[in-house]
Amino acid sequence: MNPQFELLDIDNPCIGVCQSNKKGYCFGCLRSRPERQLWLSMSTEERREVLRLIVGRKQRIEQMRQRKGEQLGFDFEEDVEMGELF
């Protein structure tokens, strides 16, 4: 069986926002420290896996933002008696 050759290299997902959160994930590209450090030495399959993980991380972040918005969602147009709040 012949190995399949990649015609195009997978671009680095870095967007130039290189700051990490407490767990080491970049705010810009959502890669972990090892994923960022090893990117140049990764195979095409490894890079595809990192890109797949990034998509999942973006989805989880969006879900958290939606849940947080739902939790904080007050209807400020509605008149509420102060006694009903406490």
N, C-alpha and C. Protein backbone atom coordinates (compact mmCIF):
# COMPACT_ATOMS: atom_id res chain seq x y z
N MET A 1 0.84 -1.18 0.00
CA MET A 1 0.00 0.00 0.00
C MET A 1 0.89 1.25 0.00
N ASN A 2 0.59 2.20 -0.85
CA ASN A 2 1.37 3.43 -0.94
C ASN A 2 0.94 4.41 0.13
N PRO A 3 1.91 5.07 0.76
CA PRO A 3 1.53 6.10 1.74
C PRO A 3 0.91 7.30 1.03
N GLN A 4 -0.05 7.91 1.70
CA GLN A 4 -0.71 9.08 1.12
C GLN A 4 0.10 10.32 1.49
N PHE A 5 0.37 11.15 0.51
CA PHE A 5 1.15 12.35 0.74
C PHE A 5 0.22 13.56 0.85
N GLU A 6 0.55 14.43 1.78
CA GLU A 6 -0.22 15.66 1.94
C GLU A 6 0.32 16.71 0.98
N LEU A 7 -0.57 17.31 0.23
CA LEU A 7 -0.15 18.36 -0.70
C LEU A 7 -0.04 19.71 0.00
N LEU A 8 -0.90 19.93 0.98
CA LEU A 8 -0.89 21.19 1.70
C LEU A 8 -0.61 20.95 3.17
N ASP A 9 0.24 21.76 3.72
CA ASP A 9 0.55 21.66 5.14
C ASP A 9 -0.61 22.27 5.94
N ILE A 10 -0.83 21.78 7.14
CA ILE A 10 -1.87 22.32 8.00
C ILE A 10 -1.33 23.57 8.68
N ASP A 11 -2.03 24.68 8.50
CA ASP A 11 -1.58 25.95 9.05
C ASP A 11 -1.63 25.95 10.57
N ASN A 12 -0.70 26.67 11.15
CA ASN A 12 -0.66 26.86 12.59
C ASN A 12 -1.89 27.68 12.99
N PRO A 13 -2.67 27.24 14.00
CA PRO A 13 -3.88 27.96 14.39
C PRO A 13 -3.63 29.22 15.23
N CYS A 14 -2.38 29.56 15.47
CA CYS A 14 -2.06 30.75 16.26
C CYS A 14 -2.63 32.00 15.60
N ILE A 15 -3.28 32.85 16.43
CA ILE A 15 -3.82 34.11 15.91
C ILE A 15 -3.11 35.31 16.52
N GLY A 16 -2.01 35.05 17.23
CA GLY A 16 -1.21 36.13 17.78
C GLY A 16 -1.67 36.66 19.12
N VAL A 17 -2.62 35.99 19.76
CA VAL A 17 -3.07 36.36 21.11
C VAL A 17 -2.46 35.32 22.03
N CYS A 18 -1.24 35.51 22.42
CA CYS A 18 -0.48 34.46 23.11
C CYS A 18 -0.47 34.69 24.61
N GLN A 19 -1.61 34.42 25.23
CA GLN A 19 -1.73 34.48 26.69
C GLN A 19 -2.47 33.23 27.12
N SER A 20 -2.04 32.65 28.23
CA SER A 20 -2.63 31.40 28.69
C SER A 20 -3.46 31.60 29.95
N ASN A 21 -4.45 30.72 30.10
CA ASN A 21 -5.23 30.73 31.33
C ASN A 21 -4.49 29.91 32.39
N LYS A 22 -5.11 29.71 33.55
CA LYS A 22 -4.46 28.99 34.65
C LYS A 22 -4.12 27.55 34.30
N LYS A 23 -4.89 26.96 33.41
CA LYS A 23 -4.66 25.57 33.02
C LYS A 23 -3.66 25.44 31.87
N GLY A 24 -3.19 26.56 31.33
CA GLY A 24 -2.18 26.53 30.27
C GLY A 24 -2.73 26.58 28.86
N TYR A 25 -4.05 26.78 28.71
CA TYR A 25 -4.64 26.87 27.38
C TYR A 25 -4.57 28.31 26.90
N CYS A 26 -4.17 28.48 25.65
CA CYS A 26 -4.03 29.80 25.06
C CYS A 26 -5.40 30.42 24.81
N PHE A 27 -5.57 31.69 25.17
CA PHE A 27 -6.83 32.39 24.94
C PHE A 27 -7.08 32.59 23.44
N GLY A 28 -6.03 32.68 22.65
CA GLY A 28 -6.19 32.93 21.22
C GLY A 28 -6.52 31.70 20.41
N CYS A 29 -5.71 30.66 20.54
CA CYS A 29 -5.88 29.48 19.68
C CYS A 29 -6.46 28.27 20.41
N LEU A 30 -6.58 28.35 21.72
CA LEU A 30 -7.16 27.29 22.56
C LEU A 30 -6.32 26.02 22.61
N ARG A 31 -5.03 26.13 22.28
CA ARG A 31 -4.15 24.96 22.40
C ARG A 31 -3.52 24.92 23.78
N SER A 32 -3.18 23.72 24.23
CA SER A 32 -2.46 23.56 25.49
C SER A 32 -0.99 23.93 25.27
N ARG A 33 -0.25 24.05 26.34
CA ARG A 33 1.18 24.36 26.21
C ARG A 33 1.90 23.31 25.36
N PRO A 34 1.73 22.01 25.68
CA PRO A 34 2.43 21.02 24.85
C PRO A 34 2.01 21.07 23.38
N GLU A 35 0.75 21.33 23.11
CA GLU A 35 0.29 21.42 21.72
C GLU A 35 0.96 22.58 21.01
N ARG A 36 1.14 23.69 21.70
CA ARG A 36 1.82 24.84 21.08
C ARG A 36 3.30 24.55 20.90
N GLN A 37 3.93 23.99 21.90
CA GLN A 37 5.38 23.75 21.86
C GLN A 37 5.77 22.69 20.83
N LEU A 38 4.92 21.69 20.65
CA LEU A 38 5.26 20.57 19.77
C LEU A 38 4.69 20.69 18.36
N TRP A 39 3.99 21.77 18.07
CA TRP A 39 3.29 21.90 16.78
C TRP A 39 4.20 21.63 15.58
N LEU A 40 5.38 22.23 15.57
CA LEU A 40 6.26 22.09 14.41
C LEU A 40 6.77 20.67 14.21
N SER A 41 6.85 19.89 15.28
CA SER A 41 7.34 18.52 15.14
C SER A 41 6.21 17.49 15.02
N MET A 42 4.95 17.94 15.03
CA MET A 42 3.81 17.02 14.93
C MET A 42 3.61 16.54 13.51
N SER A 43 3.09 15.32 13.42
CA SER A 43 2.70 14.79 12.11
C SER A 43 1.39 15.45 11.68
N THR A 44 1.02 15.23 10.45
CA THR A 44 -0.24 15.77 9.94
C THR A 44 -1.42 15.24 10.74
N GLU A 45 -1.40 13.96 11.05
CA GLU A 45 -2.49 13.37 11.84
C GLU A 45 -2.56 13.98 13.23
N GLU A 46 -1.43 14.21 13.86
CA GLU A 46 -1.41 14.83 15.19
C GLU A 46 -1.96 16.25 15.13
N ARG A 47 -1.60 16.98 14.09
CA ARG A 47 -2.12 18.34 13.93
C ARG A 47 -3.63 18.33 13.71
N ARG A 48 -4.12 17.38 12.92
CA ARG A 48 -5.57 17.26 12.72
C ARG A 48 -6.28 16.98 14.04
N GLU A 49 -5.68 16.15 14.86
CA GLU A 49 -6.27 15.83 16.17
C GLU A 49 -6.31 17.08 17.05
N VAL A 50 -5.27 17.88 17.03
CA VAL A 50 -5.26 19.12 17.81
C VAL A 50 -6.36 20.05 17.31
N LEU A 51 -6.52 20.17 16.00
CA LEU A 51 -7.58 21.02 15.45
C LEU A 51 -8.97 20.51 15.84
N ARG A 52 -9.13 19.20 15.89
CA ARG A 52 -10.40 18.61 16.33
C ARG A 52 -10.67 18.95 17.80
N LEU A 53 -9.63 18.88 18.62
CA LEU A 53 -9.76 19.23 20.04
C LEU A 53 -10.12 20.70 20.22
N ILE A 54 -9.53 21.56 19.39
CA ILE A 54 -9.83 23.00 19.46
C ILE A 54 -11.30 23.25 19.18
N VAL A 55 -11.86 22.57 18.19
CA VAL A 55 -13.28 22.73 17.87
C VAL A 55 -14.14 22.36 19.08
N GLY A 56 -13.81 21.25 19.73
CA GLY A 56 -14.54 20.85 20.92
C GLY A 56 -14.42 21.85 22.05
N ARG A 57 -13.24 22.42 22.22
CA ARG A 57 -13.04 23.43 23.27
C ARG A 57 -13.86 24.67 22.99
N LYS A 58 -13.91 25.09 21.72
CA LYS A 58 -14.73 26.26 21.36
C LYS A 58 -16.20 26.00 21.66
N GLN A 59 -16.67 24.80 21.36
CA GLN A 59 -18.06 24.46 21.62
C GLN A 59 -18.37 24.49 23.12
N ARG A 60 -17.47 23.94 23.93
CA ARG A 60 -17.68 23.95 25.38
C ARG A 60 -17.68 25.37 25.93
N ILE A 61 -16.80 26.22 25.42
CA ILE A 61 -16.76 27.61 25.87
C ILE A 61 -18.06 28.31 25.53
N GLU A 62 -18.55 28.10 24.31
CA GLU A 62 -19.82 28.72 23.90
C GLU A 62 -20.98 28.23 24.75
N GLN A 63 -21.00 26.94 25.06
CA GLN A 63 -22.06 26.39 25.92
C GLN A 63 -22.00 27.01 27.32
N MET A 64 -20.79 27.18 27.85
CA MET A 64 -20.65 27.80 29.18
C MET A 64 -21.13 29.24 29.15
N ARG A 65 -20.80 29.96 28.08
CA ARG A 65 -21.24 31.35 27.96
C ARG A 65 -22.76 31.44 27.89
N GLN A 66 -23.38 30.53 27.16
CA GLN A 66 -24.84 30.52 27.05
C GLN A 66 -25.47 30.21 28.40
N ARG A 67 -24.94 29.22 29.12
CA ARG A 67 -25.48 28.89 30.44
C ARG A 67 -25.32 30.05 31.40
N LYS A 68 -24.17 30.70 31.36
CA LYS A 68 -23.93 31.85 32.24
C LYS A 68 -24.91 32.97 31.90
N GLY A 69 -25.16 33.20 30.61
CA GLY A 69 -26.12 34.21 30.19
C GLY A 69 -27.52 33.88 30.67
N GLU A 70 -27.88 32.61 30.64
CA GLU A 70 -29.20 32.20 31.11
C GLU A 70 -29.32 32.39 32.62
N GLN A 71 -28.26 32.12 33.35
CA GLN A 71 -28.28 32.27 34.79
C GLN A 71 -28.36 33.75 35.19
N LEU A 72 -27.75 34.61 34.41
CA LEU A 72 -27.73 36.03 34.73
C LEU A 72 -28.86 36.79 34.05
N GLY A 73 -29.67 36.10 33.28
CA GLY A 73 -30.70 36.76 32.49
C GLY A 73 -31.86 37.26 33.34
N PHE A 74 -31.87 38.54 33.63
CA PHE A 74 -32.98 39.17 34.32
C PHE A 74 -33.77 39.99 33.31
N ASP A 75 -35.05 40.07 33.52
CA ASP A 75 -35.89 40.91 32.68
C ASP A 75 -36.03 42.25 33.39
N PHE A 76 -35.21 43.22 33.00
CA PHE A 76 -35.20 44.50 33.69
C PHE A 76 -36.39 45.37 33.30
N GLU A 77 -37.12 44.96 32.28
CA GLU A 77 -38.30 45.71 31.88
C GLU A 77 -39.48 45.42 32.81
N GLU A 78 -39.43 44.25 33.45
CA GLU A 78 -40.54 43.82 34.29
C GLU A 78 -40.45 44.48 35.67
N ASP A 79 -41.57 45.02 36.15
CA ASP A 79 -41.60 45.62 37.47
C ASP A 79 -41.75 44.50 38.50
N VAL A 80 -40.81 44.41 39.42
CA VAL A 80 -40.84 43.39 40.45
C VAL A 80 -40.83 44.07 41.80
N GLU A 81 -41.72 43.63 42.67
CA GLU A 81 -41.75 44.16 44.04
C GLU A 81 -40.49 43.70 44.77
N MET A 82 -39.90 44.55 45.56
CA MET A 82 -38.68 44.21 46.28
C MET A 82 -38.92 42.99 47.18
N GLY A 83 -40.09 42.84 47.75
CA GLY A 83 -40.38 41.70 48.61
C GLY A 83 -40.29 40.38 47.87
N GLU A 84 -40.52 40.38 46.55
CA GLU A 84 -40.47 39.14 45.78
C GLU A 84 -39.02 38.69 45.53
N LEU A 85 -38.09 39.60 45.63
CA LEU A 85 -36.70 39.25 45.36
C LEU A 85 -36.03 38.56 46.55
N PHE A 86 -36.52 38.81 47.76
CA PHE A 86 -35.84 38.28 48.96
C PHE A 86 -36.75 37.43 49.79
